[in-house]
Amino acid sequence: MGGLRVKVVLVAVFFMVGCGGGSHYRIPQTIYPPPRAGWSQVGMASWYGYDFHGRRTANGEVYNMYGYTAAHKILPFGTYVRVLNLNNGRSVVVRINDRGPFVRGRIIDLSYAAARAIGMIDPGTARVRLTVLPTRPRPLTHVGFYYVQVGSFVEPRRAYKLQRSLLDRLNSVTVLRVVVRGIVYYRVRVGPYLSPSSAEWRRRWLKKRGYPAVVVRE
C-alpha cells in the first residue's frame, strides 16, 4: 500500500456499513494515520449509483450519486484523492466518505458522477491511479444534470406503472417524490444526461412514441 502503515489495529471484529449502506461486511476495525500527500495506489475502480442513492454511507452521510465521493477500504474519511483513469487519461477529485469496494481486485468505488467524469459508466470498471492530495482542493460542486420528465402524478400507482412501461425500452427511469404546496407528486424522469442537447434528443424520441415530456435541470 505504498508505505501506508497501520497505527493501531484492534483485534475485535465489527460490522461496518459500506457502499451506501446496502450490505454489512465483517472487517477488522483498523485505525490508520492520515496518508502523506502524494501517496498513490494503482488498481481497478468500480462505481455505484442508483441502488444506493439516498442511503447512508459508512461515515453516516447520505449517499448522493451526483456528488464527487468514493468508497475506499482504509483511507480516512474526508481524504481527497485524485483518480486518474489510466485507459483514457481523464481524472477527477473525490472525497472518501464510504467503505468498499468489497470485491477482490478492486481498490475504490466511485460515485456515479465521478465515474461519469472519467468515462467509466459503460465499461463499469477501469484501471486507475489514486493520488492523495495535500490539502482540500477548491470546493467541489455537483455537475449539472438534465432529465426528461415524462409525467407527474398524485397517485403513486400511476407513476410506477409508467416507470415499468418505460423500463421496457430504457435503462434509467426513476420516480421522484416531491411535495409542492402540501401536495405530494410522483414525477417520472428519464436520465440523467450531462448536456441539454442529449436530454432534448431523448425528449424528442419519447414524443415520437406518444409520451409528452419536458427537459428539466437539477
Protein backbone atom coordinates (compact mmCIF):
# COMPACT_ATOMS: atom_id res chain seq x y z
CA MET A 1 0.00 0.00 0.00
CA GLY A 2 2.79 2.43 -0.88
CA GLY A 3 4.14 2.83 2.64
CA LEU A 4 0.82 3.47 4.35
CA ARG A 5 1.34 1.91 7.79
CA VAL A 6 -1.15 0.74 10.35
CA LYS A 7 -1.14 2.87 13.51
CA VAL A 8 -3.46 0.82 15.68
CA VAL A 9 -5.11 -2.49 14.93
CA LEU A 10 -7.91 -3.61 17.20
CA VAL A 11 -8.30 -7.35 17.45
CA ALA A 12 -12.07 -7.16 17.69
CA VAL A 13 -14.07 -7.52 14.51
CA PHE A 14 -17.17 -5.45 13.88
CA PHE A 15 -19.83 -4.84 11.25
CA MET A 16 -19.28 -1.79 9.07
CA VAL A 17 -21.69 -0.41 6.50
CA GLY A 18 -20.09 0.02 3.10
CA CYS A 19 -21.02 1.33 -0.34
CA GLY A 20 -24.18 3.18 0.53
CA GLY A 21 -25.26 1.08 3.47
CA GLY A 22 -26.77 -1.64 1.35
CA SER A 23 -24.84 -4.54 2.88
CA HIS A 24 -22.88 -5.28 6.02
CA TYR A 25 -19.36 -6.63 5.85
CA ARG A 26 -17.27 -8.16 8.62
CA ILE A 27 -13.87 -6.48 8.55
CA PRO A 28 -11.16 -5.80 11.16
CA GLN A 29 -11.56 -2.50 12.99
CA THR A 30 -8.35 -0.79 11.96
CA ILE A 31 -7.22 2.78 12.59
CA TYR A 32 -4.81 4.25 10.06
CA PRO A 33 -2.85 7.51 10.23
CA PRO A 34 -3.64 10.12 7.56
CA PRO A 35 -1.61 9.24 4.45
CA ARG A 36 1.06 11.57 3.22
CA ALA A 37 0.32 13.79 0.26
CA GLY A 38 1.35 12.04 -2.93
CA TRP A 39 0.61 8.55 -1.62
CA SER A 40 -0.66 6.55 -4.56
CA GLN A 41 -2.24 3.25 -5.43
CA VAL A 42 -2.94 1.55 -8.76
CA GLY A 43 -5.74 -0.91 -9.35
CA MET A 44 -9.28 -1.41 -10.60
CA ALA A 45 -12.07 1.05 -9.86
CA SER A 46 -15.81 0.40 -9.98
CA TRP A 47 -18.82 2.64 -9.30
CA TYR A 48 -22.15 2.55 -7.51
CA GLY A 49 -25.25 4.64 -8.06
CA TYR A 50 -28.99 4.21 -8.30
CA ASP A 51 -29.40 1.33 -5.84
CA PHE A 52 -27.67 3.26 -3.04
CA HIS A 53 -28.77 6.85 -3.76
CA GLY A 54 -30.24 8.38 -0.59
CA ARG A 55 -28.94 5.66 1.73
CA ARG A 56 -26.34 6.01 4.48
CA THR A 57 -22.63 5.75 3.80
CA ALA A 58 -20.14 4.32 6.29
CA ASN A 59 -19.37 7.75 7.78
CA GLY A 60 -23.07 8.50 8.34
CA GLU A 61 -23.63 10.81 5.38
CA VAL A 62 -26.47 10.31 2.94
CA TYR A 63 -25.05 8.95 -0.29
CA ASN A 64 -25.56 11.29 -3.24
CA MET A 65 -24.71 9.65 -6.53
CA TYR A 66 -24.33 13.11 -8.11
CA GLY A 67 -21.65 14.23 -5.65
CA TYR A 68 -17.92 13.63 -6.08
CA THR A 69 -17.33 10.99 -3.41
CA ALA A 70 -15.95 7.48 -3.19
CA ALA A 71 -15.58 4.38 -1.04
CA HIS A 72 -12.15 3.07 -0.05
CA LYS A 73 -11.21 0.23 2.28
CA ILE A 74 -8.74 2.09 4.53
CA LEU A 75 -8.26 5.76 3.63
CA PRO A 76 -9.59 8.05 6.39
CA PHE A 77 -12.94 9.69 5.81
CA GLY A 78 -12.51 13.19 4.42
CA THR A 79 -9.37 12.32 2.43
CA TYR A 80 -9.33 13.94 -1.01
CA VAL A 81 -7.99 11.76 -3.80
CA ARG A 82 -7.33 12.38 -7.46
CA VAL A 83 -8.45 9.40 -9.55
CA LEU A 84 -6.79 9.05 -12.95
CA ASN A 85 -8.33 6.69 -15.49
CA LEU A 86 -5.29 5.01 -17.00
CA ASN A 87 -7.31 3.92 -20.02
CA ASN A 88 -8.17 7.41 -21.28
CA GLY A 89 -6.18 9.94 -19.22
CA ARG A 90 -9.24 11.57 -17.64
CA SER A 91 -9.18 12.40 -13.93
CA VAL A 92 -11.49 13.55 -11.15
CA VAL A 93 -11.10 14.59 -7.50
CA VAL A 94 -13.24 12.76 -4.94
CA ARG A 95 -13.70 12.80 -1.16
CA ILE A 96 -13.67 9.50 0.72
CA ASN A 97 -16.90 9.06 2.72
CA ASP A 98 -17.64 5.33 2.48
CA ARG A 99 -16.06 1.89 2.84
CA GLY A 100 -15.55 -0.54 0.00
CA PRO A 101 -15.37 -1.98 -2.56
CA PHE A 102 -15.62 -5.46 -1.10
CA VAL A 103 -14.81 -7.23 -4.34
CA ARG A 104 -11.43 -8.87 -4.81
CA GLY A 105 -9.10 -6.91 -7.05
CA ARG A 106 -10.85 -3.53 -6.75
CA ILE A 107 -9.44 -0.57 -4.83
CA ILE A 108 -12.10 2.15 -5.00
CA ASP A 109 -15.83 2.57 -5.64
CA LEU A 110 -16.68 5.89 -7.26
CA SER A 111 -19.97 7.76 -7.16
CA TYR A 112 -21.97 7.90 -10.37
CA ALA A 113 -20.90 11.49 -11.07
CA ALA A 114 -17.21 10.74 -10.51
CA ALA A 115 -17.34 7.62 -12.66
CA ARG A 116 -19.08 9.53 -15.42
CA ALA A 117 -16.46 12.28 -15.28
CA ILE A 118 -13.69 9.81 -16.14
CA GLY A 119 -15.67 7.82 -18.68
CA MET A 120 -16.21 4.52 -16.90
CA ILE A 121 -20.00 4.27 -16.65
CA ASP A 122 -20.48 1.95 -19.60
CA PRO A 123 -17.49 -0.35 -19.02
CA GLY A 124 -18.31 -0.43 -15.30
CA THR A 125 -14.68 -0.69 -14.22
CA ALA A 126 -11.38 0.90 -15.18
CA ARG A 127 -7.73 0.66 -14.21
CA VAL A 128 -6.91 3.81 -12.23
CA ARG A 129 -4.21 5.51 -10.19
CA LEU A 130 -5.23 7.12 -6.89
CA THR A 131 -3.16 10.01 -5.54
CA VAL A 132 -3.80 11.58 -2.14
CA LEU A 133 -3.92 15.39 -2.32
CA PRO A 134 -2.00 17.55 0.18
CA THR A 135 -4.90 19.81 1.13
CA ARG A 136 -8.57 20.15 0.44
CA PRO A 137 -8.99 21.30 -3.19
CA ARG A 138 -11.35 24.04 -4.28
CA PRO A 139 -14.95 23.37 -3.23
CA LEU A 140 -16.43 20.54 -5.21
CA THR A 141 -19.69 21.28 -6.94
CA HIS A 142 -22.16 18.86 -8.40
CA VAL A 143 -22.22 18.76 -12.14
CA GLY A 144 -25.39 19.97 -13.80
CA PHE A 145 -27.63 17.08 -14.74
CA TYR A 146 -30.60 17.13 -17.09
CA TYR A 147 -33.62 14.87 -17.01
CA VAL A 148 -36.59 14.25 -19.25
CA GLN A 149 -39.76 14.37 -17.16
CA VAL A 150 -42.43 12.17 -18.66
CA GLY A 151 -45.21 12.57 -16.12
CA SER A 152 -46.22 13.90 -12.72
CA PHE A 153 -48.91 12.10 -10.71
CA VAL A 154 -50.68 12.41 -7.39
CA GLU A 155 -51.35 8.67 -7.42
CA PRO A 156 -48.08 6.74 -6.99
CA ARG A 157 -49.62 3.69 -8.68
CA ARG A 158 -49.83 5.56 -11.99
CA ALA A 159 -46.27 6.80 -11.72
CA TYR A 160 -44.82 3.35 -11.09
CA LYS A 161 -46.92 1.85 -13.86
CA LEU A 162 -45.43 4.38 -16.30
CA GLN A 163 -41.95 3.67 -14.96
CA ARG A 164 -42.35 -0.06 -15.61
CA SER A 165 -43.56 0.66 -19.13
CA LEU A 166 -40.57 2.87 -19.91
CA LEU A 167 -38.09 0.41 -18.43
CA ASP A 168 -39.02 -1.99 -21.21
CA ARG A 169 -37.08 0.32 -23.56
CA LEU A 170 -34.84 2.47 -21.34
CA ASN A 171 -32.29 1.69 -18.64
CA SER A 172 -32.61 4.70 -16.34
CA VAL A 173 -36.14 5.66 -15.30
CA THR A 174 -36.77 6.93 -11.77
CA VAL A 175 -39.75 8.10 -9.75
CA LEU A 176 -39.06 11.24 -7.72
CA ARG A 177 -41.33 12.07 -4.77
CA VAL A 178 -41.75 15.84 -4.27
CA VAL A 179 -44.05 17.99 -2.14
CA VAL A 180 -45.46 21.18 -3.68
CA ARG A 181 -47.70 23.38 -1.53
CA GLY A 182 -48.50 20.44 0.69
CA ILE A 183 -49.39 18.10 -2.18
CA VAL A 184 -47.25 15.02 -2.86
CA TYR A 185 -46.39 14.40 -6.51
CA TYR A 186 -44.63 11.44 -8.08
CA ARG A 187 -42.60 12.53 -11.08
CA VAL A 188 -41.35 10.05 -13.64
CA ARG A 189 -37.99 11.04 -15.07
CA VAL A 190 -35.59 9.60 -17.63
CA GLY A 191 -31.91 10.31 -17.22
CA PRO A 192 -29.69 11.87 -16.06
CA TYR A 193 -27.93 13.48 -19.03
CA LEU A 194 -24.84 15.67 -18.88
CA SER A 195 -25.90 18.07 -21.63
CA PRO A 196 -29.19 19.74 -22.61
CA SER A 197 -28.75 18.53 -26.19
CA SER A 198 -28.67 14.85 -25.19
CA ALA A 199 -31.71 15.36 -22.95
CA GLU A 200 -33.52 17.13 -25.77
CA TRP A 201 -32.75 14.25 -28.12
CA ARG A 202 -34.35 11.85 -25.65
CA ARG A 203 -37.37 14.16 -25.23
CA ARG A 204 -37.98 14.11 -28.99
CA TRP A 205 -37.51 10.34 -29.03
CA LEU A 206 -40.17 9.97 -26.34
CA LYS A 207 -42.52 12.43 -28.02
CA LYS A 208 -42.45 10.41 -31.26
CA ARG A 209 -43.62 7.42 -29.23
CA GLY A 210 -46.54 9.27 -27.71
CA TYR A 211 -45.03 10.39 -24.39
CA PRO A 212 -45.44 14.09 -23.52
CA ALA A 213 -42.14 15.13 -21.97
CA VAL A 214 -40.14 18.18 -20.89
CA VAL A 215 -36.45 18.67 -20.11
CA VAL A 216 -35.68 19.69 -16.53
CA ARG A 217 -32.35 20.55 -14.87
CA GLU A 218 -31.19 19.54 -11.40
